[in-house]
Amino acid sequence: MTPEFETACFGIITYVGTARSCFINAVQCAKKGDFQGAEALIIQGDEAYTQGHHIHGDLLTLDANGKLGNSGLILMHAEDQLMSAETFRVMAEEFIDIYKRMTP
């Protein structure tokens, strides 16, 4: 495993962790009735998620070309974090929609 590969994996983890935090905070904003704040956090989270997703795509390309070798546990963790953030984004949108309906 090369230092560049490790850096890429940690980049994924960092970006999608930031995205997930934004999505969680967006739900908290919506819960308080701050729907503009919630929307801004979803956008911010989407931007961070996209960065992590691009790094992941680059790693998949390297793997498809046989340039990664033994990618190991760190890539699996990074991919797990990627999927977790994606799932929470969908849930955040649903919660925000519910809070909007509940607000008079």
PDB file of N, CA and C in Angstrom:
ATOM      1  N   MET A   1       0.854  -1.173   0.000  1.00  0.00           N
ATOM      2  CA  MET A   1       0.000   0.000   0.000  1.00  0.00           C
ATOM      3  C   MET A   1       0.899   1.235   0.000  1.00  0.00           C
ATOM      4  N   THR A   2       0.642   2.128  -0.933  1.00  0.00           N
ATOM      5  CA  THR A   2       1.477   3.321  -1.074  1.00  0.00           C
ATOM      6  C   THR A   2       0.944   4.460  -0.200  1.00  0.00           C
ATOM      7  N   PRO A   3       1.808   5.403   0.126  1.00  0.00           N
ATOM      8  CA  PRO A   3       1.333   6.581   0.878  1.00  0.00           C
ATOM      9  C   PRO A   3       0.248   7.349   0.116  1.00  0.00           C
ATOM     10  N   GLU A   4       0.336   7.385  -1.200  1.00  0.00           N
ATOM     11  CA  GLU A   4      -0.665   8.089  -2.006  1.00  0.00           C
ATOM     12  C   GLU A   4      -2.031   7.411  -1.888  1.00  0.00           C
ATOM     13  N   PHE A   5      -2.003   6.080  -1.882  1.00  0.00           N
ATOM     14  CA  PHE A   5      -3.255   5.324  -1.733  1.00  0.00           C
ATOM     15  C   PHE A   5      -3.870   5.600  -0.368  1.00  0.00           C
ATOM     16  N   GLU A   6      -3.049   5.547   0.678  1.00  0.00           N
ATOM     17  CA  GLU A   6      -3.544   5.827   2.027  1.00  0.00           C
ATOM     18  C   GLU A   6      -4.116   7.240   2.113  1.00  0.00           C
ATOM     19  N   THR A   7      -3.418   8.193   1.518  1.00  0.00           N
ATOM     20  CA  THR A   7      -3.884   9.577   1.528  1.00  0.00           C
ATOM     21  C   THR A   7      -5.230   9.696   0.819  1.00  0.00           C
ATOM     22  N   ALA A   8      -5.374   9.001  -0.304  1.00  0.00           N
ATOM     23  CA  ALA A   8      -6.640   9.028  -1.043  1.00  0.00           C
ATOM     24  C   ALA A   8      -7.770   8.455  -0.186  1.00  0.00           C
ATOM     25  N   CYS A   9      -7.514   7.331   0.476  1.00  0.00           N
ATOM     26  CA  CYS A   9      -8.543   6.726   1.323  1.00  0.00           C
ATOM     27  C   CYS A   9      -8.937   7.649   2.465  1.00  0.00           C
ATOM     28  N   PHE A  10      -7.939   8.246   3.103  1.00  0.00           N
ATOM     29  CA  PHE A  10      -8.254   9.173   4.186  1.00  0.00           C
ATOM     30  C   PHE A  10      -8.950  10.427   3.660  1.00  0.00           C
ATOM     31  N   GLY A  11      -8.665  10.808   2.413  1.00  0.00           N
ATOM     32  CA  GLY A  11      -9.386  11.919   1.794  1.00  0.00           C
ATOM     33  C   GLY A  11     -10.862  11.597   1.655  1.00  0.00           C
ATOM     34  N   ILE A  12     -11.158  10.373   1.198  1.00  0.00           N
ATOM     35  CA  ILE A  12     -12.559   9.947   1.101  1.00  0.00           C
ATOM     36  C   ILE A  12     -13.221  10.027   2.463  1.00  0.00           C
ATOM     37  N   ILE A  13     -12.566   9.441   3.457  1.00  0.00           N
ATOM     38  CA  ILE A  13     -13.126   9.398   4.811  1.00  0.00           C
ATOM     39  C   ILE A  13     -13.374  10.812   5.334  1.00  0.00           C
ATOM     40  N   THR A  14     -12.442  11.710   5.104  1.00  0.00           N
ATOM     41  CA  THR A  14     -12.577  13.086   5.583  1.00  0.00           C
ATOM     42  C   THR A  14     -13.721  13.808   4.896  1.00  0.00           C
ATOM     43  N   TYR A  15     -13.739  13.749   3.563  1.00  0.00           N
ATOM     44  CA  TYR A  15     -14.788  14.466   2.830  1.00  0.00           C
ATOM     45  C   TYR A  15     -16.176  13.934   3.148  1.00  0.00           C
ATOM     46  N   VAL A  16     -16.343  12.611   3.131  1.00  0.00           N
ATOM     47  CA  VAL A  16     -17.688  12.087   3.363  1.00  0.00           C
ATOM     48  C   VAL A  16     -18.089  12.192   4.829  1.00  0.00           C
ATOM     49  N   GLY A  17     -17.107  12.214   5.733  1.00  0.00           N
ATOM     50  CA  GLY A  17     -17.422  12.474   7.137  1.00  0.00           C
ATOM     51  C   GLY A  17     -17.946  13.887   7.320  1.00  0.00           C
ATOM     52  N   THR A  18     -17.331  14.826   6.624  1.00  0.00           N
ATOM     53  CA  THR A  18     -17.808  16.210   6.638  1.00  0.00           C
ATOM     54  C   THR A  18     -19.217  16.282   6.055  1.00  0.00           C
ATOM     55  N   ALA A  19     -19.437  15.576   4.958  1.00  0.00           N
ATOM     56  CA  ALA A  19     -20.761  15.570   4.327  1.00  0.00           C
ATOM     57  C   ALA A  19     -21.818  15.039   5.292  1.00  0.00           C
ATOM     58  N   ARG A  20     -21.507  13.910   5.923  1.00  0.00           N
ATOM     59  CA  ARG A  20     -22.467  13.320   6.860  1.00  0.00           C
ATOM     60  C   ARG A  20     -22.774  14.290   7.995  1.00  0.00           C
ATOM     61  N   SER A  21     -21.767  14.965   8.520  1.00  0.00           N
ATOM     62  CA  SER A  21     -21.996  15.958   9.582  1.00  0.00           C
ATOM     63  C   SER A  21     -22.906  17.078   9.099  1.00  0.00           C
ATOM     64  N   CYS A  22     -22.687  17.533   7.875  1.00  0.00           N
ATOM     65  CA  CYS A  22     -23.556  18.578   7.308  1.00  0.00           C
ATOM     66  C   CYS A  22     -24.996  18.094   7.224  1.00  0.00           C
ATOM     67  N   PHE A  23     -25.191  16.852   6.782  1.00  0.00           N
ATOM     68  CA  PHE A  23     -26.545  16.313   6.643  1.00  0.00           C
ATOM     69  C   PHE A  23     -27.222  16.190   8.012  1.00  0.00           C
ATOM     70  N   ILE A  24     -26.470  15.745   9.008  1.00  0.00           N
ATOM     71  CA  ILE A  24     -27.016  15.645  10.367  1.00  0.00           C
ATOM     72  C   ILE A  24     -27.391  17.030  10.877  1.00  0.00           C
ATOM     73  N   ASN A  25     -26.517  18.002  10.682  1.00  0.00           N
ATOM     74  CA  ASN A  25     -26.802  19.375  11.125  1.00  0.00           C
ATOM     75  C   ASN A  25     -27.965  19.983  10.353  1.00  0.00           C
ATOM     76  N   ALA A  26     -28.137  19.592   9.098  1.00  0.00           N
ATOM     77  CA  ALA A  26     -29.281  20.084   8.311  1.00  0.00           C
ATOM     78  C   ALA A  26     -30.592  19.638   8.939  1.00  0.00           C
ATOM     79  N   VAL A  27     -30.638  18.405   9.385  1.00  0.00           N
ATOM     80  CA  VAL A  27     -31.848  17.910  10.051  1.00  0.00           C
ATOM     81  C   VAL A  27     -32.096  18.700  11.338  1.00  0.00           C
ATOM     82  N   GLN A  28     -31.043  18.983  12.071  1.00  0.00           N
ATOM     83  CA  GLN A  28     -31.194  19.758  13.307  1.00  0.00           C
ATOM     84  C   GLN A  28     -31.715  21.162  13.016  1.00  0.00           C
ATOM     85  N   CYS A  29     -31.230  21.766  11.933  1.00  0.00           N
ATOM     86  CA  CYS A  29     -31.739  23.089  11.538  1.00  0.00           C
ATOM     87  C   CYS A  29     -33.218  23.012  11.194  1.00  0.00           C
ATOM     88  N   ALA A  30     -33.596  22.000  10.425  1.00  0.00           N
ATOM     89  CA  ALA A  30     -35.000  21.844  10.037  1.00  0.00           C
ATOM     90  C   ALA A  30     -35.876  21.624  11.261  1.00  0.00           C
ATOM     91  N   LYS A  31     -35.369  20.878  12.218  1.00  0.00           N
ATOM     92  CA  LYS A  31     -36.114  20.618  13.448  1.00  0.00           C
ATOM     93  C   LYS A  31     -36.430  21.921  14.176  1.00  0.00           C
ATOM     94  N   LYS A  32     -35.527  22.898  14.049  1.00  0.00           N
ATOM     95  CA  LYS A  32     -35.720  24.207  14.679  1.00  0.00           C
ATOM     96  C   LYS A  32     -36.500  25.166  13.774  1.00  0.00           C
ATOM     97  N   GLY A  33     -36.858  24.718  12.578  1.00  0.00           N
ATOM     98  CA  GLY A  33     -37.597  25.568  11.654  1.00  0.00           C
ATOM     99  C   GLY A  33     -36.722  26.407  10.751  1.00  0.00           C
ATOM    100  N   ASP A  34     -35.427  26.200  10.793  1.00  0.00           N
ATOM    101  CA  ASP A  34     -34.489  26.954   9.962  1.00  0.00           C
ATOM    102  C   ASP A  34     -34.261  26.192   8.648  1.00  0.00           C
ATOM    103  N   PHE A  35     -35.205  26.320   7.735  1.00  0.00           N
ATOM    104  CA  PHE A  35     -35.151  25.554   6.492  1.00  0.00           C
ATOM    105  C   PHE A  35     -34.117  26.093   5.514  1.00  0.00           C
ATOM    106  N   GLN A  36     -33.849  27.389   5.558  1.00  0.00           N
ATOM    107  CA  GLN A  36     -32.784  27.938   4.709  1.00  0.00           C
ATOM    108  C   GLN A  36     -31.425  27.419   5.169  1.00  0.00           C
ATOM    109  N   GLY A  37     -31.231  27.382   6.468  1.00  0.00           N
ATOM    110  CA  GLY A  37     -29.993  26.831   7.015  1.00  0.00           C
ATOM    111  C   GLY A  37     -29.847  25.357   6.661  1.00  0.00           C
ATOM    112  N   ALA A  38     -30.953  24.631   6.731  1.00  0.00           N
ATOM    113  CA  ALA A  38     -30.936  23.208   6.385  1.00  0.00           C
ATOM    114  C   ALA A  38     -30.549  23.014   4.921  1.00  0.00           C
ATOM    115  N   GLU A  39     -31.143  23.822   4.055  1.00  0.00           N
ATOM    116  CA  GLU A  39     -30.835  23.721   2.628  1.00  0.00           C
ATOM    117  C   GLU A  39     -29.363  24.046   2.357  1.00  0.00           C
ATOM    118  N   ALA A  40     -28.851  25.073   3.029  1.00  0.00           N
ATOM    119  CA  ALA A  40     -27.443  25.445   2.847  1.00  0.00           C
ATOM    120  C   ALA A  40     -26.518  24.317   3.293  1.00  0.00           C
ATOM    121  N   LEU A  41     -26.872  23.646   4.377  1.00  0.00           N
ATOM    122  CA  LEU A  41     -26.046  22.539   4.852  1.00  0.00           C
ATOM    123  C   LEU A  41     -26.122  21.332   3.927  1.00  0.00           C
ATOM    124  N   ILE A  42     -27.272  21.098   3.326  1.00  0.00           N
ATOM    125  CA  ILE A  42     -27.384  20.006   2.347  1.00  0.00           C
ATOM    126  C   ILE A  42     -26.469  20.305   1.163  1.00  0.00           C
ATOM    127  N   ILE A  43     -26.480  21.544   0.700  1.00  0.00           N
ATOM    128  CA  ILE A  43     -25.616  21.925  -0.422  1.00  0.00           C
ATOM    129  C   ILE A  43     -24.142  21.768  -0.034  1.00  0.00           C
ATOM    130  N   GLN A  44     -23.790  22.242   1.151  1.00  0.00           N
ATOM    131  CA  GLN A  44     -22.414  22.112   1.631  1.00  0.00           C
ATOM    132  C   GLN A  44     -22.023  20.632   1.746  1.00  0.00           C
ATOM    133  N   GLY A  45     -22.932  19.823   2.261  1.00  0.00           N
ATOM    134  CA  GLY A  45     -22.674  18.395   2.375  1.00  0.00           C
ATOM    135  C   GLY A  45     -22.521  17.735   1.016  1.00  0.00           C
ATOM    136  N   ASP A  46     -23.348  18.152   0.064  1.00  0.00           N
ATOM    137  CA  ASP A  46     -23.246  17.609  -1.298  1.00  0.00           C
ATOM    138  C   ASP A  46     -21.881  17.912  -1.916  1.00  0.00           C
ATOM    139  N   GLU A  47     -21.386  19.126  -1.670  1.00  0.00           N
ATOM    140  CA  GLU A  47     -20.080  19.504  -2.219  1.00  0.00           C
ATOM    141  C   GLU A  47     -18.967  18.643  -1.629  1.00  0.00           C
ATOM    142  N   ALA A  48     -19.003  18.421  -0.317  1.00  0.00           N
ATOM    143  CA  ALA A  48     -17.993  17.586   0.327  1.00  0.00           C
ATOM    144  C   ALA A  48     -18.118  16.139  -0.152  1.00  0.00           C
ATOM    145  N   TYR A  49     -19.355  15.647  -0.239  1.00  0.00           N
ATOM    146  CA  TYR A  49     -19.582  14.277  -0.694  1.00  0.00           C
ATOM    147  C   TYR A  49     -19.030  14.079  -2.106  1.00  0.00           C
ATOM    148  N   THR A  50     -19.263  15.050  -2.964  1.00  0.00           N
ATOM    149  CA  THR A  50     -18.787  14.966  -4.346  1.00  0.00           C
ATOM    150  C   THR A  50     -17.267  14.836  -4.394  1.00  0.00           C
ATOM    151  N   GLN A  51     -16.577  15.566  -3.545  1.00  0.00           N
ATOM    152  CA  GLN A  51     -15.108  15.470  -3.501  1.00  0.00           C
ATOM    153  C   GLN A  51     -14.678  14.044  -3.138  1.00  0.00           C
ATOM    154  N   GLY A  52     -15.302  13.493  -2.113  1.00  0.00           N
ATOM    155  CA  GLY A  52     -14.986  12.126  -1.714  1.00  0.00           C
ATOM    156  C   GLY A  52     -15.338  11.121  -2.792  1.00  0.00           C
ATOM    157  N   HIS A  53     -16.454  11.358  -3.450  1.00  0.00           N
ATOM    158  CA  HIS A  53     -16.900  10.457  -4.520  1.00  0.00           C
ATOM    159  C   HIS A  53     -15.918  10.470  -5.696  1.00  0.00           C
ATOM    160  N   HIS A  54     -15.385  11.628  -6.018  1.00  0.00           N
ATOM    161  CA  HIS A  54     -14.406  11.731  -7.114  1.00  0.00           C
ATOM    162  C   HIS A  54     -13.124  10.959  -6.787  1.00  0.00           C
ATOM    163  N   ILE A  55     -12.662  11.095  -5.548  1.00  0.00           N
ATOM    164  CA  ILE A  55     -11.468  10.349  -5.143  1.00  0.00           C
ATOM    165  C   ILE A  55     -11.744   8.848  -5.257  1.00  0.00           C
ATOM    166  N   HIS A  56     -12.917   8.422  -4.813  1.00  0.00           N
ATOM    167  CA  HIS A  56     -13.287   7.014  -4.889  1.00  0.00           C
ATOM    168  C   HIS A  56     -13.298   6.537  -6.335  1.00  0.00           C
ATOM    169  N   GLY A  57     -13.851   7.337  -7.215  1.00  0.00           N
ATOM    170  CA  GLY A  57     -13.867   6.991  -8.637  1.00  0.00           C
ATOM    171  C   GLY A  57     -12.464   6.828  -9.201  1.00  0.00           C
ATOM    172  N   ASP A  58     -11.577   7.719  -8.788  1.00  0.00           N
ATOM    173  CA  ASP A  58     -10.182   7.620  -9.227  1.00  0.00           C
ATOM    174  C   ASP A  58      -9.550   6.313  -8.755  1.00  0.00           C
ATOM    175  N   LEU A  59      -9.828   5.923  -7.509  1.00  0.00           N
ATOM    176  CA  LEU A  59      -9.284   4.669  -6.996  1.00  0.00           C
ATOM    177  C   LEU A  59      -9.864   3.466  -7.726  1.00  0.00           C
ATOM    178  N   LEU A  60     -11.143   3.524  -8.054  1.00  0.00           N
ATOM    179  CA  LEU A  60     -11.753   2.426  -8.802  1.00  0.00           C
ATOM    180  C   LEU A  60     -11.123   2.279 -10.185  1.00  0.00           C
ATOM    181  N   THR A  61     -10.807   3.407 -10.803  1.00  0.00           N
ATOM    182  CA  THR A  61     -10.144   3.376 -12.108  1.00  0.00           C
ATOM    183  C   THR A  61      -8.766   2.733 -11.987  1.00  0.00           C
ATOM    184  N   LEU A  62      -8.014   3.130 -10.976  1.00  0.00           N
ATOM    185  CA  LEU A  62      -6.697   2.526 -10.754  1.00  0.00           C
ATOM    186  C   LEU A  62      -6.816   1.025 -10.518  1.00  0.00           C
ATOM    187  N   ASP A  63      -7.820   0.632  -9.731  1.00  0.00           N
ATOM    188  CA  ASP A  63      -8.022  -0.789  -9.447  1.00  0.00           C
ATOM    189  C   ASP A  63      -8.384  -1.553 -10.717  1.00  0.00           C
ATOM    190  N   ALA A  64      -9.253  -0.972 -11.533  1.00  0.00           N
ATOM    191  CA  ALA A  64      -9.656  -1.627 -12.777  1.00  0.00           C
ATOM    192  C   ALA A  64      -8.473  -1.802 -13.723  1.00  0.00           C
ATOM    193  N   ASN A  65      -7.505  -0.916 -13.627  1.00  0.00           N
ATOM    194  CA  ASN A  65      -6.314  -0.997 -14.466  1.00  0.00           C
ATOM    195  C   ASN A  65      -5.200  -1.817 -13.805  1.00  0.00           C
ATOM    196  N   GLY A  66      -5.527  -2.469 -12.698  1.00  0.00           N
ATOM    197  CA  GLY A  66      -4.559  -3.325 -12.015  1.00  0.00           C
ATOM    198  C   GLY A  66      -3.443  -2.592 -11.301  1.00  0.00           C
ATOM    199  N   LYS A  67      -3.669  -1.325 -10.953  1.00  0.00           N
ATOM    200  CA  LYS A  67      -2.597  -0.519 -10.364  1.00  0.00           C
ATOM    201  C   LYS A  67      -2.683  -0.382  -8.843  1.00  0.00           C
ATOM    202  N   LEU A  68      -3.679  -1.022  -8.212  1.00  0.00           N
ATOM    203  CA  LEU A  68      -3.794  -0.888  -6.764  1.00  0.00           C
ATOM    204  C   LEU A  68      -3.188  -2.061  -6.003  1.00  0.00           C
ATOM    205  N   GLY A  69      -3.226  -3.223  -6.589  1.00  0.00           N
ATOM    206  CA  GLY A  69      -2.712  -4.385  -5.869  1.00  0.00           C
ATOM    207  C   GLY A  69      -3.621  -4.742  -4.716  1.00  0.00           C
ATOM    208  N   ASN A  70      -3.045  -4.871  -3.543  1.00  0.00           N
ATOM    209  CA  ASN A  70      -3.798  -5.237  -2.349  1.00  0.00           C
ATOM    210  C   ASN A  70      -4.313  -3.979  -1.663  1.00  0.00           C
ATOM    211  N   SER A  71      -5.570  -3.643  -1.887  1.00  0.00           N
ATOM    212  CA  SER A  71      -6.115  -2.394  -1.355  1.00  0.00           C
ATOM    213  C   SER A  71      -6.500  -2.485   0.115  1.00  0.00           C
ATOM    214  N   GLY A  72      -6.921  -3.622   0.585  1.00  0.00           N
ATOM    215  CA  GLY A  72      -7.088  -3.862   2.005  1.00  0.00           C
ATOM    216  C   GLY A  72      -8.228  -3.169   2.711  1.00  0.00           C
ATOM    217  N   LEU A  73      -8.107  -3.217   4.008  1.00  0.00           N
ATOM    218  CA  LEU A  73      -9.157  -2.775   4.914  1.00  0.00           C
ATOM    219  C   LEU A  73      -9.444  -1.280   4.840  1.00  0.00           C
ATOM    220  N   ILE A  74      -8.452  -0.465   4.623  1.00  0.00           N
ATOM    221  CA  ILE A  74      -8.664   0.985   4.638  1.00  0.00           C
ATOM    222  C   ILE A  74      -9.617   1.420   3.518  1.00  0.00           C
ATOM    223  N   LEU A  75      -9.521   0.791   2.342  1.00  0.00           N
ATOM    224  CA  LEU A  75     -10.445   1.136   1.262  1.00  0.00           C
ATOM    225  C   LEU A  75     -11.861   0.697   1.615  1.00  0.00           C
ATOM    226  N   MET A  76     -11.997  -0.454   2.229  1.00  0.00           N
ATOM    227  CA  MET A  76     -13.330  -0.897   2.633  1.00  0.00           C
ATOM    228  C   MET A  76     -13.934   0.075   3.637  1.00  0.00           C
ATOM    229  N   HIS A  77     -13.122   0.577   4.559  1.00  0.00           N
ATOM    230  CA  HIS A  77     -13.620   1.553   5.530  1.00  0.00           C
ATOM    231  C   HIS A  77     -14.046   2.836   4.816  1.00  0.00           C
ATOM    232  N   ALA A  78     -13.225   3.285   3.884  1.00  0.00           N
ATOM    233  CA  ALA A  78     -13.555   4.497   3.135  1.00  0.00           C
ATOM    234  C   ALA A  78     -14.870   4.318   2.377  1.00  0.00           C
ATOM    235  N   GLU A  79     -15.044   3.155   1.746  1.00  0.00           N
ATOM    236  CA  GLU A  79     -16.277   2.897   1.003  1.00  0.00           C
ATOM    237  C   GLU A  79     -17.479   2.806   1.941  1.00  0.00           C
ATOM    238  N   ASP A  80     -17.276   2.244   3.119  1.00  0.00           N
ATOM    239  CA  ASP A  80     -18.350   2.176   4.110  1.00  0.00           C
ATOM    240  C   ASP A  80     -18.789   3.581   4.509  1.00  0.00           C
ATOM    241  N   GLN A  81     -17.820   4.459   4.724  1.00  0.00           N
ATOM    242  CA  GLN A  81     -18.132   5.837   5.085  1.00  0.00           C
ATOM    243  C   GLN A  81     -18.857   6.551   3.948  1.00  0.00           C
ATOM    244  N   LEU A  82     -18.461   6.268   2.727  1.00  0.00           N
ATOM    245  CA  LEU A  82     -19.097   6.847   1.545  1.00  0.00           C
ATOM    246  C   LEU A  82     -20.570   6.461   1.491  1.00  0.00           C
ATOM    247  N   MET A  83     -20.851   5.179   1.674  1.00  0.00           N
ATOM    248  CA  MET A  83     -22.234   4.705   1.622  1.00  0.00           C
ATOM    249  C   MET A  83     -23.053   5.245   2.794  1.00  0.00           C
ATOM    250  N   SER A  84     -22.430   5.349   3.957  1.00  0.00           N
ATOM    251  CA  SER A  84     -23.123   5.872   5.129  1.00  0.00           C
ATOM    252  C   SER A  84     -23.555   7.315   4.892  1.00  0.00           C
ATOM    253  N   ALA A  85     -22.668   8.118   4.337  1.00  0.00           N
ATOM    254  CA  ALA A  85     -23.002   9.518   4.063  1.00  0.00           C
ATOM    255  C   ALA A  85     -24.117   9.615   3.034  1.00  0.00           C
ATOM    256  N   GLU A  86     -24.050   8.786   2.006  1.00  0.00           N
ATOM    257  CA  GLU A  86     -25.078   8.804   0.971  1.00  0.00           C
ATOM    258  C   GLU A  86     -26.440   8.435   1.561  1.00  0.00           C
ATOM    259  N   THR A  87     -26.464   7.427   2.403  1.00  0.00           N
ATOM    260  CA  THR A  87     -27.710   7.004   3.037  1.00  0.00           C
ATOM    261  C   THR A  87     -28.256   8.104   3.932  1.00  0.00           C
ATOM    262  N   PHE A  88     -27.376   8.733   4.703  1.00  0.00           N
ATOM    263  CA  PHE A  88     -27.865   9.767   5.602  1.00  0.00           C
ATOM    264  C   PHE A  88     -28.374  10.974   4.845  1.00  0.00           C
ATOM    265  N   ARG A  89     -27.815  11.258   3.670  1.00  0.00           N
ATOM    266  CA  ARG A  89     -28.309  12.385   2.884  1.00  0.00           C
ATOM    267  C   ARG A  89     -29.768  12.163   2.501  1.00  0.00           C
ATOM    268  N   VAL A  90     -30.073  10.952   2.048  1.00  0.00           N
ATOM    269  CA  VAL A  90     -31.450  10.620   1.666  1.00  0.00           C
ATOM    270  C   VAL A  90     -32.370  10.767   2.886  1.00  0.00           C
ATOM    271  N   MET A  91     -31.927  10.259   4.010  1.00  0.00           N
ATOM    272  CA  MET A  91     -32.733  10.360   5.226  1.00  0.00           C
ATOM    273  C   MET A  91     -32.903  11.810   5.655  1.00  0.00           C
ATOM    274  N   ALA A  92     -31.851  12.608   5.525  1.00  0.00           N
ATOM    275  CA  ALA A  92     -31.930  14.019   5.903  1.00  0.00           C
ATOM    276  C   ALA A  92     -32.978  14.743   5.071  1.00  0.00           C
ATOM    277  N   GLU A  93     -32.988  14.484   3.776  1.00  0.00           N
ATOM    278  CA  GLU A  93     -33.997  15.111   2.906  1.00  0.00           C
ATOM    279  C   GLU A  93     -35.410  14.738   3.360  1.00  0.00           C
ATOM    280  N   GLU A  94     -35.600  13.487   3.729  1.00  0.00           N
ATOM    281  CA  GLU A  94     -36.919  13.039   4.182  1.00  0.00           C
ATOM    282  C   GLU A  94     -37.315  13.718   5.489  1.00  0.00           C
ATOM    283  N   PHE A  95     -36.386  13.784   6.436  1.00  0.00           N
ATOM    284  CA  PHE A  95     -36.682  14.447   7.706  1.00  0.00           C
ATOM    285  C   PHE A  95     -36.984  15.924   7.506  1.00  0.00           C
ATOM    286  N   ILE A  96     -36.219  16.582   6.670  1.00  0.00           N
ATOM    287  CA  ILE A  96     -36.448  18.001   6.405  1.00  0.00           C
ATOM    288  C   ILE A  96     -37.832  18.208   5.818  1.00  0.00           C
ATOM    289  N   ASP A  97     -38.215  17.350   4.895  1.00  0.00           N
ATOM    290  CA  ASP A  97     -39.547  17.436   4.292  1.00  0.00           C
ATOM    291  C   ASP A  97     -40.632  17.253   5.350  1.00  0.00           C
ATOM    292  N   ILE A  98     -40.427  16.325   6.241  1.00  0.00           N
ATOM    293  CA  ILE A  98     -41.399  16.095   7.309  1.00  0.00           C
ATOM    294  C   ILE A  98     -41.515  17.336   8.210  1.00  0.00           C
ATOM    295  N   TYR A  99     -40.365  17.893   8.591  1.00  0.00           N
ATOM    296  CA  TYR A  99     -40.394  19.091   9.442  1.00  0.00           C
ATOM    297  C   TYR A  99     -41.063  20.266   8.736  1.00  0.00           C
ATOM    298  N   LYS A 100     -40.866  20.382   7.437  1.00  0.00           N
ATOM    299  CA  LYS A 100     -41.534  21.458   6.687  1.00  0.00           C
ATOM    300  C   LYS A 100     -43.044  21.286   6.737  1.00  0.00           C
ATOM    301  N   ARG A 101     -43.505  20.050   6.617  1.00  0.00           N
ATOM    302  CA  ARG A 101     -44.951  19.791   6.655  1.00  0.00           C
ATOM    303  C   ARG A 101     -45.532  20.054   8.021  1.00  0.00           C
ATOM    304  N   MET A 102     -44.726  19.851   9.056  1.00  0.00           N
ATOM    305  CA  MET A 102     -45.214  20.043  10.416  1.00  0.00           C
ATOM    306  C   MET A 102     -45.251  21.506  10.838  1.00  0.00           C
ATOM    307  N   THR A 103     -44.502  22.343  10.107  1.00  0.00           N
ATOM    308  CA  THR A 103     -44.416  23.761  10.460  1.00  0.00           C
ATOM    309  C   THR A 103     -45.614  24.505   9.883  1.00  0.00           C
ATOM    310  N   PRO A 104     -46.331  25.226  10.741  1.00  0.00           N
ATOM    311  CA  PRO A 104     -47.507  25.964  10.240  1.00  0.00           C
ATOM    312  C   PRO A 104     -47.160  27.113   9.338  1.00  0.00           C
TER     313      PRO A 104
END
